[in-house]
Amino acid sequence: MRLLTFDLTDSSDDILTLEAMASTREAEHAAVMAEAEQVLAWAQAEFGGRQGPVEDGNAWDHELLVQREEGGWVTVTLTFSASAEFAEAFQARFAEPDED
């Protein structure tokens, strides 16, 4: 991922939150959406039959928000509610390698 940045937060109810976000100018918006679609395609391919409320036993669910702001900025936020299994697979696939 070149434009989306990822953040993982834990909660006391065993549901993790993975948030991917990018704020760019309109000219880069299509590239951000392509990255978001790539992440969603991965989730569907790996856990497609297990999408829905995590509190009901599913592996993941998501929300995609696009906000247009003053000055020509567009913020895209892709938020996943995730099981530990989904979060681990997500991080293995999309985490940036450690720099030595």
N, C-alpha and C. Protein backbone atom coordinates (compact mmCIF):
# COMPACT_ATOMS: atom_id res chain seq x y z
N MET A 1 0.84 -1.17 0.00
CA MET A 1 0.00 0.00 0.00
C MET A 1 0.89 1.24 0.00
N ARG A 2 0.54 2.13 -0.86
CA ARG A 2 1.33 3.36 -0.99
C ARG A 2 0.66 4.54 -0.29
N LEU A 3 -0.66 4.59 -0.30
CA LEU A 3 -1.36 5.76 0.22
C LEU A 3 -2.11 5.49 1.52
N LEU A 4 -2.68 4.30 1.66
CA LEU A 4 -3.42 3.99 2.89
C LEU A 4 -2.45 3.67 4.02
N THR A 5 -2.73 4.21 5.20
CA THR A 5 -1.98 3.85 6.39
C THR A 5 -2.91 3.06 7.30
N PHE A 6 -2.36 2.11 8.02
CA PHE A 6 -3.15 1.18 8.82
C PHE A 6 -2.88 1.36 10.30
N ASP A 7 -3.94 1.15 11.10
CA ASP A 7 -3.83 1.21 12.55
C ASP A 7 -4.69 0.09 13.12
N LEU A 8 -4.16 -0.62 14.11
CA LEU A 8 -4.88 -1.71 14.77
C LEU A 8 -5.13 -1.32 16.21
N THR A 9 -6.37 -1.46 16.66
CA THR A 9 -6.69 -1.23 18.07
C THR A 9 -7.39 -2.46 18.61
N ASP A 10 -7.13 -2.73 19.86
CA ASP A 10 -7.68 -3.89 20.55
C ASP A 10 -8.79 -3.41 21.47
N SER A 11 -9.71 -4.31 21.79
CA SER A 11 -10.75 -3.98 22.75
C SER A 11 -10.90 -5.13 23.73
N SER A 12 -11.65 -4.89 24.77
CA SER A 12 -11.80 -5.90 25.81
C SER A 12 -12.78 -7.00 25.41
N ASP A 13 -13.51 -6.84 24.30
CA ASP A 13 -14.51 -7.83 23.91
C ASP A 13 -14.04 -8.76 22.79
N ASP A 14 -12.73 -8.87 22.59
CA ASP A 14 -12.13 -9.75 21.57
C ASP A 14 -12.46 -9.35 20.14
N ILE A 15 -12.93 -8.12 19.95
CA ILE A 15 -13.15 -7.61 18.60
C ILE A 15 -12.09 -6.54 18.35
N LEU A 16 -11.32 -6.74 17.30
CA LEU A 16 -10.26 -5.80 16.95
C LEU A 16 -10.79 -4.82 15.92
N THR A 17 -10.17 -3.65 15.87
CA THR A 17 -10.52 -2.65 14.86
C THR A 17 -9.27 -2.37 14.04
N LEU A 18 -9.40 -2.57 12.74
CA LEU A 18 -8.34 -2.22 11.79
C LEU A 18 -8.86 -1.04 10.99
N GLU A 19 -8.08 0.04 10.98
CA GLU A 19 -8.50 1.22 10.23
C GLU A 19 -7.43 1.58 9.22
N ALA A 20 -7.86 1.72 7.99
CA ALA A 20 -6.98 2.18 6.92
C ALA A 20 -7.48 3.56 6.50
N MET A 21 -6.56 4.51 6.39
CA MET A 21 -6.98 5.88 6.10
C MET A 21 -5.98 6.55 5.17
N ALA A 22 -6.52 7.42 4.32
CA ALA A 22 -5.69 8.26 3.46
C ALA A 22 -6.42 9.58 3.24
N SER A 23 -5.68 10.66 3.28
CA SER A 23 -6.21 11.97 2.96
C SER A 23 -5.34 12.53 1.85
N THR A 24 -5.96 12.70 0.69
CA THR A 24 -5.20 13.12 -0.49
C THR A 24 -5.95 14.19 -1.25
N ARG A 25 -5.29 14.76 -2.21
CA ARG A 25 -5.94 15.66 -3.15
C ARG A 25 -6.81 14.83 -4.10
N GLU A 26 -7.75 15.47 -4.72
CA GLU A 26 -8.68 14.80 -5.64
C GLU A 26 -7.95 14.00 -6.71
N ALA A 27 -6.81 14.50 -7.17
CA ALA A 27 -6.06 13.83 -8.24
C ALA A 27 -5.60 12.43 -7.84
N GLU A 28 -5.39 12.19 -6.55
CA GLU A 28 -4.94 10.87 -6.09
C GLU A 28 -6.07 10.00 -5.55
N HIS A 29 -7.30 10.53 -5.57
CA HIS A 29 -8.42 9.80 -4.98
C HIS A 29 -8.64 8.44 -5.65
N ALA A 30 -8.55 8.37 -6.94
CA ALA A 30 -8.75 7.09 -7.64
C ALA A 30 -7.73 6.05 -7.18
N ALA A 31 -6.49 6.47 -6.95
CA ALA A 31 -5.46 5.54 -6.49
C ALA A 31 -5.76 5.04 -5.08
N VAL A 32 -6.27 5.92 -4.23
CA VAL A 32 -6.66 5.50 -2.88
C VAL A 32 -7.79 4.48 -2.95
N MET A 33 -8.79 4.76 -3.77
CA MET A 33 -9.92 3.85 -3.89
C MET A 33 -9.47 2.50 -4.46
N ALA A 34 -8.50 2.50 -5.35
CA ALA A 34 -7.96 1.24 -5.88
C ALA A 34 -7.31 0.43 -4.77
N GLU A 35 -6.58 1.10 -3.87
CA GLU A 35 -5.98 0.40 -2.74
C GLU A 35 -7.06 -0.15 -1.81
N ALA A 36 -8.09 0.64 -1.53
CA ALA A 36 -9.19 0.17 -0.68
C ALA A 36 -9.86 -1.05 -1.31
N GLU A 37 -10.09 -1.01 -2.62
CA GLU A 37 -10.71 -2.13 -3.31
C GLU A 37 -9.81 -3.37 -3.27
N GLN A 38 -8.51 -3.16 -3.32
CA GLN A 38 -7.57 -4.28 -3.23
C GLN A 38 -7.68 -4.96 -1.86
N VAL A 39 -7.78 -4.17 -0.81
CA VAL A 39 -7.91 -4.71 0.54
C VAL A 39 -9.24 -5.46 0.68
N LEU A 40 -10.31 -4.87 0.18
CA LEU A 40 -11.62 -5.52 0.25
C LEU A 40 -11.65 -6.81 -0.57
N ALA A 41 -11.01 -6.81 -1.72
CA ALA A 41 -10.95 -8.02 -2.55
C ALA A 41 -10.20 -9.13 -1.82
N TRP A 42 -9.12 -8.77 -1.14
CA TRP A 42 -8.39 -9.75 -0.34
C TRP A 42 -9.30 -10.32 0.76
N ALA A 43 -10.00 -9.45 1.48
CA ALA A 43 -10.88 -9.90 2.56
C ALA A 43 -11.95 -10.85 2.03
N GLN A 44 -12.52 -10.52 0.89
CA GLN A 44 -13.54 -11.38 0.29
C GLN A 44 -12.94 -12.73 -0.14
N ALA A 45 -11.75 -12.69 -0.70
CA ALA A 45 -11.11 -13.93 -1.17
C ALA A 45 -10.72 -14.84 -0.01
N GLU A 46 -10.21 -14.25 1.05
CA GLU A 46 -9.71 -15.04 2.19
C GLU A 46 -10.79 -15.40 3.19
N PHE A 47 -11.77 -14.52 3.40
CA PHE A 47 -12.77 -14.70 4.45
C PHE A 47 -14.17 -14.39 3.95
N GLY A 48 -14.42 -14.59 2.66
CA GLY A 48 -15.66 -14.17 2.03
C GLY A 48 -16.93 -14.71 2.64
N GLY A 49 -16.95 -15.95 3.04
CA GLY A 49 -18.14 -16.53 3.62
C GLY A 49 -18.32 -16.20 5.08
N ARG A 50 -17.42 -15.39 5.61
CA ARG A 50 -17.43 -15.11 7.04
C ARG A 50 -17.56 -13.62 7.34
N GLN A 51 -18.19 -12.87 6.43
CA GLN A 51 -18.39 -11.44 6.64
C GLN A 51 -19.72 -11.21 7.35
N GLY A 52 -19.68 -10.33 8.33
CA GLY A 52 -20.86 -9.96 9.09
C GLY A 52 -20.44 -9.54 10.48
N PRO A 53 -21.39 -9.26 11.35
CA PRO A 53 -21.04 -8.80 12.69
C PRO A 53 -20.11 -9.79 13.41
N VAL A 54 -18.97 -9.30 13.86
CA VAL A 54 -17.99 -10.14 14.52
C VAL A 54 -18.55 -10.66 15.84
N GLU A 55 -19.36 -9.85 16.51
CA GLU A 55 -19.95 -10.28 17.79
C GLU A 55 -20.90 -11.46 17.60
N ASP A 56 -21.31 -11.73 16.35
CA ASP A 56 -22.16 -12.89 16.04
C ASP A 56 -21.35 -14.08 15.55
N GLY A 57 -20.02 -14.01 15.66
CA GLY A 57 -19.16 -15.12 15.28
C GLY A 57 -18.54 -15.04 13.91
N ASN A 58 -18.77 -13.95 13.19
CA ASN A 58 -18.14 -13.77 11.88
C ASN A 58 -16.70 -13.30 12.05
N ALA A 59 -15.93 -13.38 10.97
CA ALA A 59 -14.51 -13.02 11.02
C ALA A 59 -14.28 -11.52 10.82
N TRP A 60 -15.18 -10.88 10.05
CA TRP A 60 -14.93 -9.46 9.74
C TRP A 60 -16.19 -8.79 9.22
N ASP A 61 -16.17 -7.48 9.35
CA ASP A 61 -17.16 -6.61 8.75
C ASP A 61 -16.44 -5.30 8.44
N HIS A 62 -17.03 -4.45 7.62
CA HIS A 62 -16.32 -3.22 7.28
C HIS A 62 -17.28 -2.07 7.03
N GLU A 63 -16.68 -0.88 7.04
CA GLU A 63 -17.37 0.35 6.67
C GLU A 63 -16.38 1.18 5.86
N LEU A 64 -16.83 1.73 4.75
CA LEU A 64 -16.00 2.58 3.90
C LEU A 64 -16.63 3.96 3.85
N LEU A 65 -15.86 4.95 4.28
CA LEU A 65 -16.31 6.34 4.27
C LEU A 65 -15.43 7.17 3.36
N VAL A 66 -16.07 8.02 2.56
CA VAL A 66 -15.35 8.97 1.71
C VAL A 66 -15.88 10.35 2.05
N GLN A 67 -14.98 11.23 2.48
CA GLN A 67 -15.37 12.59 2.85
C GLN A 67 -14.60 13.59 2.00
N ARG A 68 -15.34 14.45 1.34
CA ARG A 68 -14.72 15.53 0.57
C ARG A 68 -14.64 16.75 1.47
N GLU A 69 -13.46 17.33 1.51
CA GLU A 69 -13.21 18.45 2.42
C GLU A 69 -12.83 19.69 1.64
N GLU A 70 -12.83 20.79 2.35
CA GLU A 70 -12.44 22.06 1.72
C GLU A 70 -11.01 21.99 1.22
N GLY A 71 -10.74 22.75 0.20
CA GLY A 71 -9.39 22.81 -0.33
C GLY A 71 -9.05 21.68 -1.28
N GLY A 72 -10.05 20.88 -1.68
CA GLY A 72 -9.80 19.80 -2.63
C GLY A 72 -9.27 18.52 -2.03
N TRP A 73 -9.35 18.37 -0.71
CA TRP A 73 -8.88 17.16 -0.05
C TRP A 73 -10.01 16.14 0.02
N VAL A 74 -9.63 14.87 -0.08
CA VAL A 74 -10.57 13.77 0.06
C VAL A 74 -9.98 12.79 1.08
N THR A 75 -10.77 12.46 2.11
CA THR A 75 -10.34 11.50 3.12
C THR A 75 -11.14 10.22 2.95
N VAL A 76 -10.41 9.12 2.84
CA VAL A 76 -11.01 7.80 2.73
C VAL A 76 -10.64 7.02 3.99
N THR A 77 -11.66 6.46 4.63
CA THR A 77 -11.44 5.64 5.82
C THR A 77 -12.12 4.30 5.62
N LEU A 78 -11.34 3.23 5.68
CA LEU A 78 -11.84 1.87 5.58
C LEU A 78 -11.62 1.22 6.95
N THR A 79 -12.72 0.93 7.65
CA THR A 79 -12.64 0.40 9.00
C THR A 79 -13.18 -1.03 9.02
N PHE A 80 -12.38 -1.93 9.58
CA PHE A 80 -12.78 -3.31 9.75
C PHE A 80 -13.00 -3.61 11.22
N SER A 81 -14.09 -4.28 11.54
CA SER A 81 -14.24 -4.98 12.80
C SER A 81 -13.73 -6.37 12.50
N ALA A 82 -12.87 -6.91 13.37
CA ALA A 82 -12.18 -8.14 12.98
C ALA A 82 -11.98 -9.09 14.15
N SER A 83 -12.01 -10.36 13.81
CA SER A 83 -11.60 -11.40 14.76
C SER A 83 -10.07 -11.40 14.81
N ALA A 84 -9.52 -12.06 15.80
CA ALA A 84 -8.06 -12.16 15.89
C ALA A 84 -7.49 -12.86 14.67
N GLU A 85 -8.17 -13.89 14.17
CA GLU A 85 -7.71 -14.62 12.99
C GLU A 85 -7.63 -13.70 11.77
N PHE A 86 -8.67 -12.91 11.55
CA PHE A 86 -8.68 -11.97 10.43
C PHE A 86 -7.57 -10.94 10.59
N ALA A 87 -7.43 -10.38 11.79
CA ALA A 87 -6.42 -9.34 12.03
C ALA A 87 -5.02 -9.87 11.78
N GLU A 88 -4.75 -11.10 12.22
CA GLU A 88 -3.42 -11.68 12.00
C GLU A 88 -3.15 -11.87 10.51
N ALA A 89 -4.12 -12.38 9.79
CA ALA A 89 -3.95 -12.59 8.34
C ALA A 89 -3.81 -11.25 7.62
N PHE A 90 -4.59 -10.27 8.05
CA PHE A 90 -4.52 -8.93 7.47
C PHE A 90 -3.12 -8.34 7.64
N GLN A 91 -2.62 -8.42 8.86
CA GLN A 91 -1.29 -7.86 9.13
C GLN A 91 -0.21 -8.61 8.37
N ALA A 92 -0.34 -9.92 8.26
CA ALA A 92 0.65 -10.70 7.51
C ALA A 92 0.66 -10.28 6.05
N ARG A 93 -0.50 -9.93 5.52
CA ARG A 93 -0.61 -9.56 4.11
C ARG A 93 -0.23 -8.10 3.84
N PHE A 94 -0.63 -7.19 4.74
CA PHE A 94 -0.51 -5.77 4.44
C PHE A 94 0.48 -4.99 5.30
N ALA A 95 1.03 -5.59 6.34
CA ALA A 95 1.98 -4.86 7.18
C ALA A 95 3.25 -4.56 6.41
N GLU A 96 3.79 -3.40 6.67
CA GLU A 96 5.06 -3.04 6.02
C GLU A 96 6.18 -3.81 6.70
N PRO A 97 7.14 -4.30 5.93
CA PRO A 97 8.26 -5.02 6.54
C PRO A 97 9.06 -4.10 7.44
N ASP A 98 9.61 -4.70 8.51
CA ASP A 98 10.45 -3.93 9.43
C ASP A 98 11.72 -3.49 8.70
N GLU A 99 12.13 -2.27 9.00
CA GLU A 99 13.36 -1.75 8.40
C GLU A 99 14.50 -2.00 9.39
N ASP A 100 15.61 -2.48 8.88
CA ASP A 100 16.77 -2.73 9.76
C ASP A 100 17.68 -1.53 9.77
